[in-house]
All heavy atoms as atom14 arrays in JSON, in Angstrom:
{
  "sequence": "DTYSNVGFAGGRYAEVYAEGSGRTDLDLFVYDQNGNLICSDTDASDVV",
  "atom14_mask": [
    [1, 1, 1, 1, 1, 1, 1, 1, 0, 0, 0, 0, 0, 0],
    [1, 1, 1, 1, 1, 1, 1, 0, 0, 0, 0, 0, 0, 0],
    [1, 1, 1, 1, 1, 1, 1, 1, 1, 1, 1, 1, 0, 0],
    [1, 1, 1, 1, 1, 1, 0, 0, 0, 0, 0, 0, 0, 0],
    [1, 1, 1, 1, 1, 1, 1, 1, 0, 0, 0, 0, 0, 0],
    [1, 1, 1, 1, 1, 1, 1, 0, 0, 0, 0, 0, 0, 0],
    [1, 1, 1, 1, 0, 0, 0, 0, 0, 0, 0, 0, 0, 0],
    [1, 1, 1, 1, 1, 1, 1, 1, 1, 1, 1, 0, 0, 0],
    [1, 1, 1, 1, 1, 0, 0, 0, 0, 0, 0, 0, 0, 0],
    [1, 1, 1, 1, 0, 0, 0, 0, 0, 0, 0, 0, 0, 0],
    [1, 1, 1, 1, 0, 0, 0, 0, 0, 0, 0, 0, 0, 0],
    [1, 1, 1, 1, 1, 1, 1, 1, 1, 1, 1, 0, 0, 0],
    [1, 1, 1, 1, 1, 1, 1, 1, 1, 1, 1, 1, 0, 0],
    [1, 1, 1, 1, 1, 0, 0, 0, 0, 0, 0, 0, 0, 0],
    [1, 1, 1, 1, 1, 1, 1, 1, 1, 0, 0, 0, 0, 0],
    [1, 1, 1, 1, 1, 1, 1, 0, 0, 0, 0, 0, 0, 0],
    [1, 1, 1, 1, 1, 1, 1, 1, 1, 1, 1, 1, 0, 0],
    [1, 1, 1, 1, 1, 0, 0, 0, 0, 0, 0, 0, 0, 0],
    [1, 1, 1, 1, 1, 1, 1, 1, 1, 0, 0, 0, 0, 0],
    [1, 1, 1, 1, 0, 0, 0, 0, 0, 0, 0, 0, 0, 0],
    [1, 1, 1, 1, 1, 1, 0, 0, 0, 0, 0, 0, 0, 0],
    [1, 1, 1, 1, 0, 0, 0, 0, 0, 0, 0, 0, 0, 0],
    [1, 1, 1, 1, 1, 1, 1, 1, 1, 1, 1, 0, 0, 0],
    [1, 1, 1, 1, 1, 1, 1, 0, 0, 0, 0, 0, 0, 0],
    [1, 1, 1, 1, 1, 1, 1, 1, 0, 0, 0, 0, 0, 0],
    [1, 1, 1, 1, 1, 1, 1, 1, 0, 0, 0, 0, 0, 0],
    [1, 1, 1, 1, 1, 1, 1, 1, 0, 0, 0, 0, 0, 0],
    [1, 1, 1, 1, 1, 1, 1, 1, 0, 0, 0, 0, 0, 0],
    [1, 1, 1, 1, 1, 1, 1, 1, 1, 1, 1, 0, 0, 0],
    [1, 1, 1, 1, 1, 1, 1, 0, 0, 0, 0, 0, 0, 0],
    [1, 1, 1, 1, 1, 1, 1, 1, 1, 1, 1, 1, 0, 0],
    [1, 1, 1, 1, 1, 1, 1, 1, 0, 0, 0, 0, 0, 0],
    [1, 1, 1, 1, 1, 1, 1, 1, 1, 0, 0, 0, 0, 0],
    [1, 1, 1, 1, 1, 1, 1, 1, 0, 0, 0, 0, 0, 0],
    [1, 1, 1, 1, 0, 0, 0, 0, 0, 0, 0, 0, 0, 0],
    [1, 1, 1, 1, 1, 1, 1, 1, 0, 0, 0, 0, 0, 0],
    [1, 1, 1, 1, 1, 1, 1, 1, 0, 0, 0, 0, 0, 0],
    [1, 1, 1, 1, 1, 1, 1, 1, 0, 0, 0, 0, 0, 0],
    [1, 1, 1, 1, 1, 1, 0, 0, 0, 0, 0, 0, 0, 0],
    [1, 1, 1, 1, 1, 1, 0, 0, 0, 0, 0, 0, 0, 0],
    [1, 1, 1, 1, 1, 1, 1, 1, 0, 0, 0, 0, 0, 0],
    [1, 1, 1, 1, 1, 1, 1, 0, 0, 0, 0, 0, 0, 0],
    [1, 1, 1, 1, 1, 1, 1, 1, 0, 0, 0, 0, 0, 0],
    [1, 1, 1, 1, 1, 0, 0, 0, 0, 0, 0, 0, 0, 0],
    [1, 1, 1, 1, 1, 1, 0, 0, 0, 0, 0, 0, 0, 0],
    [1, 1, 1, 1, 1, 1, 1, 1, 0, 0, 0, 0, 0, 0],
    [1, 1, 1, 1, 1, 1, 1, 0, 0, 0, 0, 0, 0, 0],
    [1, 1, 1, 1, 1, 1, 1, 0, 0, 0, 0, 0, 0, 0]
  ],
  "atom14_positions": [
    [[0.85, -1.18, 0.0], [0.0, 0.0, 0.0], [0.89, 1.23, 0.0], [1.77, 1.37, 0.87], [-0.91, 0.03, 1.24], [-2.14, -0.84, 1.08], [-2.31, -1.44, 0.01], [-2.93, -0.94, 2.05], [0.0, 0.0, 0.0], [0.0, 0.0, 0.0], [0.0, 0.0, 0.0], [0.0, 0.0, 0.0], [0.0, 0.0, 0.0], [0.0, 0.0, 0.0]],
    [[0.65, 2.13, -0.96], [1.46, 3.35, -1.08], [0.59, 4.57, -0.86], [-0.41, 4.76, -1.56], [2.14, 3.44, -2.45], [2.99, 2.3, -2.63], [2.97, 4.71, -2.56], [0.0, 0.0, 0.0], [0.0, 0.0, 0.0], [0.0, 0.0, 0.0], [0.0, 0.0, 0.0], [0.0, 0.0, 0.0], [0.0, 0.0, 0.0], [0.0, 0.0, 0.0]],
    [[0.96, 5.39, 0.11], [0.27, 6.65, 0.39], [1.17, 7.79, -0.08], [2.28, 7.97, 0.44], [0.0, 6.79, 1.89], [-0.93, 5.75, 2.46], [-0.45, 4.51, 2.87], [-2.29, 6.01, 2.61], [-1.3, 3.55, 3.39], [-3.15, 5.05, 3.15], [-2.64, 3.82, 3.53], [-3.48, 2.87, 4.06], [0.0, 0.0, 0.0], [0.0, 0.0, 0.0]],
    [[0.68, 8.55, -1.05], [1.47, 9.66, -1.59], [1.01, 10.99, -0.98], [-0.12, 11.1, -0.49], [1.32, 9.72, -3.12], [1.74, 8.5, -3.71], [0.0, 0.0, 0.0], [0.0, 0.0, 0.0], [0.0, 0.0, 0.0], [0.0, 0.0, 0.0], [0.0, 0.0, 0.0], [0.0, 0.0, 0.0], [0.0, 0.0, 0.0], [0.0, 0.0, 0.0]],
    [[1.89, 11.97, -1.03], [1.57, 13.34, -0.6], [1.07, 13.4, 0.85], [0.08, 14.07, 1.15], [0.54, 13.97, -1.54], [1.04, 14.06, -2.96], [2.19, 14.43, -3.21], [0.19, 13.7, -3.91], [0.0, 0.0, 0.0], [0.0, 0.0, 0.0], [0.0, 0.0, 0.0], [0.0, 0.0, 0.0], [0.0, 0.0, 0.0], [0.0, 0.0, 0.0]],
    [[1.74, 12.69, 1.73], [1.45, 12.8, 3.16], [2.29, 13.96, 3.71], [3.52, 13.89, 3.71], [1.78, 11.49, 3.9], [1.45, 11.62, 5.38], [1.02, 10.33, 3.27], [0.0, 0.0, 0.0], [0.0, 0.0, 0.0], [0.0, 0.0, 0.0], [0.0, 0.0, 0.0], [0.0, 0.0, 0.0], [0.0, 0.0, 0.0], [0.0, 0.0, 0.0]],
    [[1.63, 15.02, 4.13], [2.35, 16.23, 4.5], [2.77, 16.28, 5.96], [2.02, 15.87, 6.85], [0.0, 0.0, 0.0], [0.0, 0.0, 0.0], [0.0, 0.0, 0.0], [0.0, 0.0, 0.0], [0.0, 0.0, 0.0], [0.0, 0.0, 0.0], [0.0, 0.0, 0.0], [0.0, 0.0, 0.0], [0.0, 0.0, 0.0], [0.0, 0.0, 0.0]],
    [[3.99, 16.79, 6.19], [4.49, 17.04, 7.54], [5.17, 18.39, 7.57], [5.77, 18.83, 6.58], [5.47, 15.94, 7.97], [4.84, 14.61, 8.2], [4.93, 13.61, 7.23], [4.14, 14.34, 9.37], [4.35, 12.37, 7.44], [3.56, 13.1, 9.57], [3.65, 12.12, 8.61], [0.0, 0.0, 0.0], [0.0, 0.0, 0.0], [0.0, 0.0, 0.0]],
    [[5.09, 19.06, 8.71], [5.64, 20.4, 8.86], [7.12, 20.36, 9.2], [7.57, 19.52, 9.98], [4.87, 21.16, 9.95], [0.0, 0.0, 0.0], [0.0, 0.0, 0.0], [0.0, 0.0, 0.0], [0.0, 0.0, 0.0], [0.0, 0.0, 0.0], [0.0, 0.0, 0.0], [0.0, 0.0, 0.0], [0.0, 0.0, 0.0], [0.0, 0.0, 0.0]],
    [[7.88, 21.27, 8.61], [9.29, 21.38, 8.9], [9.54, 21.81, 10.34], [8.83, 22.66, 10.87], [0.0, 0.0, 0.0], [0.0, 0.0, 0.0], [0.0, 0.0, 0.0], [0.0, 0.0, 0.0], [0.0, 0.0, 0.0], [0.0, 0.0, 0.0], [0.0, 0.0, 0.0], [0.0, 0.0, 0.0], [0.0, 0.0, 0.0], [0.0, 0.0, 0.0]],
    [[10.55, 21.2, 10.97], [10.9, 21.56, 12.32], [10.06, 20.91, 13.4], [10.32, 21.1, 14.59], [0.0, 0.0, 0.0], [0.0, 0.0, 0.0], [0.0, 0.0, 0.0], [0.0, 0.0, 0.0], [0.0, 0.0, 0.0], [0.0, 0.0, 0.0], [0.0, 0.0, 0.0], [0.0, 0.0, 0.0], [0.0, 0.0, 0.0], [0.0, 0.0, 0.0]],
    [[9.04, 20.17, 13.01], [8.16, 19.51, 13.99], [8.32, 17.99, 13.85], [8.31, 17.46, 12.75], [6.7, 19.9, 13.74], [5.72, 19.24, 14.7], [4.29, 19.5, 14.3], [3.36, 18.73, 15.1], [2.07, 18.55, 14.8], [1.57, 19.1, 13.72], [1.29, 17.83, 15.59], [0.0, 0.0, 0.0], [0.0, 0.0, 0.0], [0.0, 0.0, 0.0]],
    [[8.45, 17.32, 14.99], [8.66, 15.88, 14.95], [7.48, 15.18, 14.28], [6.32, 15.4, 14.64], [8.86, 15.33, 16.36], [9.41, 13.93, 16.37], [10.72, 13.68, 16.01], [8.61, 12.85, 16.72], [11.24, 12.39, 16.0], [9.11, 11.55, 16.72], [10.43, 11.34, 16.36], [10.93, 10.05, 16.34], [0.0, 0.0, 0.0], [0.0, 0.0, 0.0]],
    [[7.77, 14.36, 13.27], [6.75, 13.65, 12.5], [6.74, 12.18, 12.9], [7.8, 11.58, 13.13], [7.04, 13.78, 11.01], [0.0, 0.0, 0.0], [0.0, 0.0, 0.0], [0.0, 0.0, 0.0], [0.0, 0.0, 0.0], [0.0, 0.0, 0.0], [0.0, 0.0, 0.0], [0.0, 0.0, 0.0], [0.0, 0.0, 0.0], [0.0, 0.0, 0.0]],
    [[5.55, 11.59, 12.97], [5.41, 10.19, 13.35], [4.48, 9.46, 12.39], [3.42, 9.98, 12.01], [4.86, 10.07, 14.76], [5.8, 10.57, 15.84], [5.28, 10.26, 17.23], [4.49, 11.05, 17.77], [5.66, 9.21, 17.78], [0.0, 0.0, 0.0], [0.0, 0.0, 0.0], [0.0, 0.0, 0.0], [0.0, 0.0, 0.0], [0.0, 0.0, 0.0]],
    [[4.88, 8.27, 12.02], [4.04, 7.35, 11.24], [4.04, 6.02, 11.98], [5.1, 5.45, 12.26], [4.58, 7.16, 9.81], [3.69, 6.18, 9.04], [4.67, 8.49, 9.07], [0.0, 0.0, 0.0], [0.0, 0.0, 0.0], [0.0, 0.0, 0.0], [0.0, 0.0, 0.0], [0.0, 0.0, 0.0], [0.0, 0.0, 0.0], [0.0, 0.0, 0.0]],
    [[2.84, 5.53, 12.27], [2.71, 4.29, 13.05], [1.65, 3.42, 12.36], [0.57, 3.91, 12.0], [2.27, 4.63, 14.48], [1.95, 3.44, 15.36], [2.96, 2.76, 16.03], [0.64, 3.02, 15.55], [2.67, 1.69, 16.86], [0.34, 1.95, 16.38], [1.36, 1.28, 17.03], [1.07, 0.22, 17.85], [0.0, 0.0, 0.0], [0.0, 0.0, 0.0]],
    [[1.97, 2.16, 12.15], [1.0, 1.23, 11.58], [0.88, 0.02, 12.5], [1.9, -0.49, 13.01], [1.42, 0.78, 10.18], [0.0, 0.0, 0.0], [0.0, 0.0, 0.0], [0.0, 0.0, 0.0], [0.0, 0.0, 0.0], [0.0, 0.0, 0.0], [0.0, 0.0, 0.0], [0.0, 0.0, 0.0], [0.0, 0.0, 0.0], [0.0, 0.0, 0.0]],
    [[-0.34, -0.41, 12.71], [-0.62, -1.53, 13.6], [-1.57, -2.49, 12.9], [-2.69, -2.12, 12.57], [-1.24, -1.02, 14.9], [-1.51, -2.09, 15.92], [-2.08, -1.48, 17.2], [-1.27, -0.98, 18.01], [-3.31, -1.48, 17.37], [0.0, 0.0, 0.0], [0.0, 0.0, 0.0], [0.0, 0.0, 0.0], [0.0, 0.0, 0.0], [0.0, 0.0, 0.0]],
    [[-1.09, -3.7, 12.64], [-1.9, -4.68, 11.93], [-2.74, -5.54, 12.86], [-2.82, -5.31, 14.07], [0.0, 0.0, 0.0], [0.0, 0.0, 0.0], [0.0, 0.0, 0.0], [0.0, 0.0, 0.0], [0.0, 0.0, 0.0], [0.0, 0.0, 0.0], [0.0, 0.0, 0.0], [0.0, 0.0, 0.0], [0.0, 0.0, 0.0], [0.0, 0.0, 0.0]],
    [[-3.37, -6.54, 12.27], [-4.27, -7.43, 13.01], [-3.56, -8.62, 13.62], [-4.18, -9.45, 14.27], [-5.38, -7.92, 12.07], [-4.82, -8.64, 10.98], [0.0, 0.0, 0.0], [0.0, 0.0, 0.0], [0.0, 0.0, 0.0], [0.0, 0.0, 0.0], [0.0, 0.0, 0.0], [0.0, 0.0, 0.0], [0.0, 0.0, 0.0], [0.0, 0.0, 0.0]],
    [[-2.24, -8.73, 13.38], [-1.48, -9.83, 13.96], [-1.33, -11.03, 13.06], [-0.74, -12.04, 13.47], [0.0, 0.0, 0.0], [0.0, 0.0, 0.0], [0.0, 0.0, 0.0], [0.0, 0.0, 0.0], [0.0, 0.0, 0.0], [0.0, 0.0, 0.0], [0.0, 0.0, 0.0], [0.0, 0.0, 0.0], [0.0, 0.0, 0.0], [0.0, 0.0, 0.0]],
    [[-1.79, -10.93, 11.83], [-1.78, -12.1, 10.95], [-0.45, -12.29, 10.22], [-0.06, -13.42, 9.91], [-2.91, -12.0, 9.92], [-4.3, -11.86, 10.52], [-5.36, -11.88, 9.43], [-5.59, -13.22, 8.92], [-6.2, -13.48, 7.76], [-6.6, -12.49, 7.0], [-6.39, -14.71, 7.38], [0.0, 0.0, 0.0], [0.0, 0.0, 0.0], [0.0, 0.0, 0.0]],
    [[0.23, -11.18, 9.88], [1.45, -11.28, 9.07], [2.45, -10.22, 9.51], [2.14, -9.34, 10.31], [1.15, -11.07, 7.57], [0.67, -9.72, 7.37], [0.11, -12.05, 7.05], [0.0, 0.0, 0.0], [0.0, 0.0, 0.0], [0.0, 0.0, 0.0], [0.0, 0.0, 0.0], [0.0, 0.0, 0.0], [0.0, 0.0, 0.0], [0.0, 0.0, 0.0]],
    [[3.63, -10.3, 8.93], [4.67, -9.29, 9.14], [4.43, -8.11, 8.21], [4.26, -8.29, 7.0], [6.04, -9.93, 8.87], [7.18, -8.92, 8.92], [7.03, -7.9, 9.62], [8.21, -9.16, 8.27], [0.0, 0.0, 0.0], [0.0, 0.0, 0.0], [0.0, 0.0, 0.0], [0.0, 0.0, 0.0], [0.0, 0.0, 0.0], [0.0, 0.0, 0.0]],
    [[4.4, -6.89, 8.77], [4.3, -5.67, 7.97], [5.6, -4.89, 8.08], [6.21, -4.83, 9.15], [3.15, -4.78, 8.45], [1.73, -5.35, 8.33], [0.72, -4.31, 8.84], [1.4, -5.75, 6.9], [0.0, 0.0, 0.0], [0.0, 0.0, 0.0], [0.0, 0.0, 0.0], [0.0, 0.0, 0.0], [0.0, 0.0, 0.0], [0.0, 0.0, 0.0]],
    [[6.02, -4.29, 6.99], [7.18, -3.4, 6.98], [6.74, -2.0, 6.58], [5.77, -1.83, 5.83], [8.25, -3.9, 6.01], [8.96, -5.14, 6.52], [8.83, -5.44, 7.72], [9.63, -5.81, 5.71], [0.0, 0.0, 0.0], [0.0, 0.0, 0.0], [0.0, 0.0, 0.0], [0.0, 0.0, 0.0], [0.0, 0.0, 0.0], [0.0, 0.0, 0.0]],
    [[7.46, -1.01, 7.07], [7.1, 0.4, 6.83], [8.31, 1.13, 6.25], [9.43, 1.01, 6.74], [6.69, 1.05, 8.15], [6.39, 2.55, 8.14], [5.13, 2.84, 7.32], [6.24, 3.07, 9.57], [0.0, 0.0, 0.0], [0.0, 0.0, 0.0], [0.0, 0.0, 0.0], [0.0, 0.0, 0.0], [0.0, 0.0, 0.0], [0.0, 0.0, 0.0]],
    [[8.04, 1.93, 5.2], [9.07, 2.75, 4.57], [8.52, 4.15, 4.34], [7.37, 4.3, 3.9], [9.53, 2.16, 3.23], [10.19, 0.82, 3.35], [9.44, -0.34, 3.37], [11.57, 0.72, 3.43], [10.05, -1.6, 3.48], [12.18, -0.52, 3.54], [11.42, -1.68, 3.57], [0.0, 0.0, 0.0], [0.0, 0.0, 0.0], [0.0, 0.0, 0.0]],
    [[9.33, 5.17, 4.61], [8.93, 6.56, 4.38], [9.98, 7.22, 3.49], [11.19, 7.15, 3.78], [8.81, 7.34, 5.71], [8.43, 8.8, 5.44], [7.78, 6.69, 6.62], [0.0, 0.0, 0.0], [0.0, 0.0, 0.0], [0.0, 0.0, 0.0], [0.0, 0.0, 0.0], [0.0, 0.0, 0.0], [0.0, 0.0, 0.0], [0.0, 0.0, 0.0]],
    [[9.52, 7.88, 2.42], [10.4, 8.58, 1.48], [10.01, 10.06, 1.41], [8.82, 10.39, 1.54], [10.29, 7.97, 0.08], [10.65, 6.51, 0.01], [9.7, 5.52, 0.26], [11.94, 6.11, -0.32], [10.02, 4.18, 0.2], [12.27, 4.76, -0.38], [11.3, 3.8, -0.13], [11.62, 2.46, -0.19], [0.0, 0.0, 0.0], [0.0, 0.0, 0.0]],
    [[11.01, 10.93, 1.17], [10.67, 12.34, 1.01], [10.32, 12.64, -0.45], [10.32, 11.73, -1.3], [11.8, 13.25, 1.52], [13.08, 13.15, 0.69], [13.05, 12.57, -0.42], [14.12, 13.66, 1.16], [0.0, 0.0, 0.0], [0.0, 0.0, 0.0], [0.0, 0.0, 0.0], [0.0, 0.0, 0.0], [0.0, 0.0, 0.0], [0.0, 0.0, 0.0]],
    [[10.03, 13.91, -0.75], [9.58, 14.28, -2.09], [10.67, 14.11, -3.14], [10.4, 14.1, -4.35], [9.12, 15.73, -2.09], [10.22, 16.74, -1.8], [9.68, 18.09, -1.37], [8.92, 18.2, -0.42], [10.08, 19.11, -2.08], [0.0, 0.0, 0.0], [0.0, 0.0, 0.0], [0.0, 0.0, 0.0], [0.0, 0.0, 0.0], [0.0, 0.0, 0.0]],
    [[11.92, 13.97, -2.69], [13.03, 13.77, -3.61], [13.39, 12.3, -3.78], [14.37, 11.97, -4.43], [14.26, 14.55, -3.12], [14.01, 16.04, -3.06], [13.35, 16.6, -3.93], [14.51, 16.69, -2.02], [0.0, 0.0, 0.0], [0.0, 0.0, 0.0], [0.0, 0.0, 0.0], [0.0, 0.0, 0.0], [0.0, 0.0, 0.0], [0.0, 0.0, 0.0]],
    [[12.58, 11.43, -3.17], [12.79, 10.0, -3.3], [13.79, 9.4, -2.33], [14.16, 8.23, -2.45], [0.0, 0.0, 0.0], [0.0, 0.0, 0.0], [0.0, 0.0, 0.0], [0.0, 0.0, 0.0], [0.0, 0.0, 0.0], [0.0, 0.0, 0.0], [0.0, 0.0, 0.0], [0.0, 0.0, 0.0], [0.0, 0.0, 0.0], [0.0, 0.0, 0.0]],
    [[14.25, 10.2, -1.36], [15.2, 9.69, -0.38], [14.48, 8.88, 0.7], [13.42, 9.28, 1.17], [15.93, 10.86, 0.29], [16.73, 11.69, -0.69], [17.62, 11.18, -1.36], [16.4, 12.97, -0.79], [0.0, 0.0, 0.0], [0.0, 0.0, 0.0], [0.0, 0.0, 0.0], [0.0, 0.0, 0.0], [0.0, 0.0, 0.0], [0.0, 0.0, 0.0]],
    [[15.07, 7.77, 1.08], [14.53, 6.98, 2.17], [14.78, 7.72, 3.49], [15.92, 7.98, 3.85], [15.17, 5.59, 2.22], [14.73, 4.68, 3.38], [13.25, 4.36, 3.29], [15.56, 3.39, 3.39], [0.0, 0.0, 0.0], [0.0, 0.0, 0.0], [0.0, 0.0, 0.0], [0.0, 0.0, 0.0], [0.0, 0.0, 0.0], [0.0, 0.0, 0.0]],
    [[13.72, 8.06, 4.19], [13.81, 8.81, 5.43], [13.92, 7.88, 6.63], [14.7, 8.1, 7.55], [12.58, 9.73, 5.59], [12.57, 10.78, 4.49], [12.57, 10.39, 6.96], [13.76, 11.72, 4.52], [0.0, 0.0, 0.0], [0.0, 0.0, 0.0], [0.0, 0.0, 0.0], [0.0, 0.0, 0.0], [0.0, 0.0, 0.0], [0.0, 0.0, 0.0]],
    [[13.12, 6.83, 6.62], [13.07, 5.94, 7.78], [12.41, 4.64, 7.35], [11.59, 4.63, 6.42], [12.27, 6.61, 8.9], [12.14, 5.64, 10.43], [0.0, 0.0, 0.0], [0.0, 0.0, 0.0], [0.0, 0.0, 0.0], [0.0, 0.0, 0.0], [0.0, 0.0, 0.0], [0.0, 0.0, 0.0], [0.0, 0.0, 0.0], [0.0, 0.0, 0.0]],
    [[12.75, 3.54, 8.01], [12.1, 2.27, 7.75], [12.04, 1.45, 9.02], [12.86, 1.63, 9.93], [12.83, 1.49, 6.65], [14.14, 1.13, 7.08], [0.0, 0.0, 0.0], [0.0, 0.0, 0.0], [0.0, 0.0, 0.0], [0.0, 0.0, 0.0], [0.0, 0.0, 0.0], [0.0, 0.0, 0.0], [0.0, 0.0, 0.0], [0.0, 0.0, 0.0]],
    [[11.06, 0.56, 9.08], [10.94, -0.38, 10.19], [10.62, -1.73, 9.58], [9.54, -1.92, 9.0], [9.85, 0.06, 11.16], [9.85, -0.76, 12.45], [10.5, -1.81, 12.48], [9.18, -0.34, 13.42], [0.0, 0.0, 0.0], [0.0, 0.0, 0.0], [0.0, 0.0, 0.0], [0.0, 0.0, 0.0], [0.0, 0.0, 0.0], [0.0, 0.0, 0.0]],
    [[11.55, -2.66, 9.69], [11.4, -3.96, 9.01], [11.54, -5.13, 9.98], [11.99, -6.2, 9.6], [12.46, -4.09, 7.89], [13.77, -3.95, 8.46], [12.27, -3.02, 6.83], [0.0, 0.0, 0.0], [0.0, 0.0, 0.0], [0.0, 0.0, 0.0], [0.0, 0.0, 0.0], [0.0, 0.0, 0.0], [0.0, 0.0, 0.0], [0.0, 0.0, 0.0]],
    [[11.13, -4.92, 11.23], [11.22, -6.03, 12.17], [10.14, -7.07, 11.86], [9.27, -6.85, 11.01], [11.12, -5.54, 13.62], [9.75, -4.97, 13.96], [8.84, -5.05, 13.11], [9.59, -4.45, 15.07], [0.0, 0.0, 0.0], [0.0, 0.0, 0.0], [0.0, 0.0, 0.0], [0.0, 0.0, 0.0], [0.0, 0.0, 0.0], [0.0, 0.0, 0.0]],
    [[10.19, -8.2, 12.53], [9.3, -9.32, 12.23], [7.99, -9.23, 13.0], [7.63, -10.12, 13.77], [10.0, -10.64, 12.53], [0.0, 0.0, 0.0], [0.0, 0.0, 0.0], [0.0, 0.0, 0.0], [0.0, 0.0, 0.0], [0.0, 0.0, 0.0], [0.0, 0.0, 0.0], [0.0, 0.0, 0.0], [0.0, 0.0, 0.0], [0.0, 0.0, 0.0]],
    [[7.27, -8.11, 12.81], [5.97, -7.94, 13.45], [5.09, -7.09, 12.55], [5.54, -6.62, 11.49], [6.12, -7.26, 14.82], [6.34, -5.88, 14.67], [0.0, 0.0, 0.0], [0.0, 0.0, 0.0], [0.0, 0.0, 0.0], [0.0, 0.0, 0.0], [0.0, 0.0, 0.0], [0.0, 0.0, 0.0], [0.0, 0.0, 0.0], [0.0, 0.0, 0.0]],
    [[3.85, -6.87, 12.95], [3.0, -5.98, 12.17], [2.69, -4.71, 12.96], [1.69, -4.04, 12.74], [1.71, -6.67, 11.72], [0.79, -7.04, 12.87], [1.23, -6.99, 14.03], [-0.39, -7.38, 12.61], [0.0, 0.0, 0.0], [0.0, 0.0, 0.0], [0.0, 0.0, 0.0], [0.0, 0.0, 0.0], [0.0, 0.0, 0.0], [0.0, 0.0, 0.0]],
    [[3.6, -4.36, 13.88], [3.56, -3.07, 14.57], [4.83, -2.33, 14.17], [5.94, -2.73, 14.56], [3.5, -3.24, 16.1], [3.52, -1.89, 16.8], [2.24, -4.01, 16.49], [0.0, 0.0, 0.0], [0.0, 0.0, 0.0], [0.0, 0.0, 0.0], [0.0, 0.0, 0.0], [0.0, 0.0, 0.0], [0.0, 0.0, 0.0], [0.0, 0.0, 0.0]],
    [[4.68, -1.27, 13.36], [5.85, -0.6, 12.77], [5.75, 0.9, 13.0], [4.65, 1.47, 13.06], [5.97, -0.92, 11.27], [6.46, -2.34, 11.06], [4.65, -0.72, 10.54], [0.0, 0.0, 0.0], [0.0, 0.0, 0.0], [0.0, 0.0, 0.0], [0.0, 0.0, 0.0], [0.0, 0.0, 0.0], [0.0, 0.0, 0.0], [0.0, 0.0, 0.0]]
  ]
}
């Protein structure tokens, strides 16, 4: 699932949290408008 144009304010701490139903492993990736990888969470759970 890809969510585009998610806006965050400069200078303010930004948070993205996903919580699944417990059935599978979910991974989370965040990219900026220039395509740079900002942060990722790839542990073996569906809480990222």
